[in-house]
Amino acid sequence: MTASPPVLRMAVPSPLYRSFDYLPPADCAPEGLMPGMRLRLPFGRAQTVGVLLELSPQAQIERHKLKPALALLDPAPVLPAELMTLLRWVADYYHHPIGETIATALPVALRQGEAAQARYRSRWRISAAGRDVDTQALARRAKRQADLLQRLAASRHGLGAEQLTELPRNWNDAMAALVKKGWVEVEQVPALVFGHDQPESGPTLNAAQDRAVTEIVQGLERFSPVLLDGVTGSGKTEIYLRAVAAALAAGRQALVLVPEITLTPQLVERFRCRFNVPMAVLHSGLGDRERLNAWLLARNGEAAIVIGTRSAVFTPLQRPGLIICDEEHDPSFKQQSGLRYSARDVALVRAQGLGIPVILGSATPSLESLLNAQQGRYQHLVLPQRAGSAKPPEVGLMDVRHQPMEDQLSAPLLRLIQQHLDQDQQVLLFLNRRGFSPTLICHECGWVAHCRRCDTHMTLHLKRRQLRCHHCGSQRPVQPQCPDCGSPDLRPLGSGTERIEAALGQHFPDVGLSRIDRDSTQRKGSLEALLETIHRGGRRILIGTQMLAKGHHFPDVTLVGILDGDQGLFGVDFRAGERMAQLIVQVAGRAGRADKPGQVVIQTHHPDNPMLQLLCREGYHAYARAAMDERRLTALPPYSHMALLRAEAGQAAAPEAFLDQAERLAHQLGATGVELYGPMPAVMERRAGKYRHQLLLQAQNRADLHRLLRPWTPQLNTLPGARKVRWSLDVDPVDLI
């Protein structure tokens, strides 16, 4: 009797909390199937790409109802066993459908069924015969060939097409002639970023840095979570470089996570200067094919170092040896749509499963990480002083009450700016609000330019004569007259970076200005070009948002002005104060990073605020201790655990009705140890044309929260109101707004 073929349990990108069973493809031997392989599947009236979870002798439905898979797409698993285990944990912890969880970990091209084949590119190197050629004689009859030969002779590892872009277009013909003569050899190499031919050795470490490197290297062969807690400018990146060097020396790969795409170019350059190894870069600014190629080359082990943003945490590694999470406190590590995972927390779980160290680095660690360090879960390595001869900047509050203000620039601050410019220094001004003005108002009747899809004002972008909503992205041209009363007297209220730039141009007309925000860096390569100009001294005044706040090294910046120190004092989210403190400290850290003393001034209307005074007087850690005492007394995270159920719909009543049903279901299931707050409207109730409500779940013990979420979440789709709303569950939310 012929045995029945095994059942393929497949993860399919679907919002359903289940896997799907199929039979093997007709032309596929079942014994060749392994978890982590992709198969093309019939799904409803269409086709989709699923990932094999396991082979089972039993089906979840009657076997005669099973459909065969259409085709096997991979000869080997695209996701290794350790990543499949991690993704099952992610789906379970964040209570998200397994199919969508696994799809999140795959590059878009693989989700669409493209072949998992990496691309390579040509690299040319001079041969032994080519080194014997008299290039001066060759230049008289074939100048381009001679130029190419000289370039290749000067490069120890050869040159790729990207390093020959400044040559005339037809350099390929000259190169082909050199290859034909045997003077040049061509090889196929991975399409990756390569380090410099002659890597730098790095600076001498101070005692704290040396101790940190020693501790980290000693833990390379085991799971060792480290909180690298160093003041701004203390040389945390140098610690990363030394730790990566140790991992590479052991034949391992290193994964480095950064919170934002803007930090990627400078970090990649630091690594290129120190390591002559191939590196993969992964972030949302890459095309689908570029991202797939980097992902596959990391999986194959050809990329020794992987540097990327949030989703890079799921990059497969053939020889994993070290994970680094830079600026671990940054909320950008938390995905805010779809699978709402924290890349920092996933990195910790992945490192534990692999048995390798993970470094969490920050000058302003999150309160969660500080608590874990206090409780002994993390090794706490402190870098208390700046590297080299740099001294911490002098930080002070500037009381702007009763001061004449011009576009958020007080007279004392303008005088300070002039003093530092007179000393041929650079000045950085920080305002975390882009555009010209956050509000446009009619002076005659009080009309305000509101977003038609959100409960918020439109931001005026004067250069483009546009009103934009920074929440839903809608935009419209500025009207010459008030639509209500017809008055032409429309006035901007408040200031954004664009308005500050214009005001500074009037006060300092002969000084070069650079504005760095999302609007000024939209084009590919624009941020790198701006930063290069700044480093050359071509811009003396820098104005920007949080894109300038962290990670950047500006040795000539001696004055940092924080134009609105009150922005985070009265936020509705309980984390607003923590975020404000982190941002202030990070921005302040851009001052005095070389041998020049730095000064930081914070403009405020509340100079007597005790937390603001504590931050300026005693620093971030004193502030963090006080904030943790408050959190402990109020039983807020990190001393409790939260999940936020959000719902939105085009009709105002639907989200609230659905969440009422969800609350009743939670009580029916037995919400022991869990408090439920709501349903309540979101702080911005209407956004992008949808009305939003939320239900907050809070528990002292994580186990109590997940004990409820496990049966509750899959049943939410069965509630009567579920079809009328779009809902999402956010475990460990970092934003309650």
Foldseek 3Di string as FASTA:
>chain_A
DDQDAWWFFWQAQDQFQGTATAGEAPPDDSVQDDFQWWFWADDVPRIWIITTLDTHRDHPDPPVPHYYTHGTLDSDHPADPLLSVLLVVLCQQLVTRSNLSVVLLDQPCVRRRDHLDAFWFKFKAFDPVLVPDDLVVVCVPPVLLSVQSVVRVVAPVTGGPVVCVVPPPPSVVSVVVCVVVVGMDMDIAQPFDFAGRDADDDDDADPLLVVLLVVQLVQQQFEAEAEEAEAQQACPLVSVLSSLVSQVVVVAAEEEEELDPLLPPVSVNNNSNHDRATEAEDEPVDDSSSNSNSLSCQQVQRHRYYYYYQSCLSRHHPGHGEYEYEQLQDPSQFDDDRSGDRSSVSNSVSCNSVGGYYYYYDNFHDLLVVVCCVVPVHPYRYRYAHPDQFHAAQEDEDACVVFDDDLLQGPVNLVVLVVLVVVVFAEEEEDAFAAFAQWKAAPPPGDIAPDPFWPGGFGHHPVVQKTADPFQGDIDHHDCADPPPRHSRIDGDHGHQVNVVVVVCVSCVPFAEEEDDCVQCVDPPRSVVRLVCQQVSVHRYYYYYLSQQADDARQRHAEYEYSELCPQVDDPDLCSVSVSLRSQSSNSSNHRSHNDHHYYYYYYNCSPPVLVVCCSPPHNVSSSVVSVVVCVVVCHPPQKWKKKKKKKALDQVLRQVLVVVLVVVLVVVPLPQKDKDDQDAQPTQGGRNIGMTMIMIMGSDPVSVSVSCSVSVSCSCVDPSNVRIDMGMHTRDPDRD
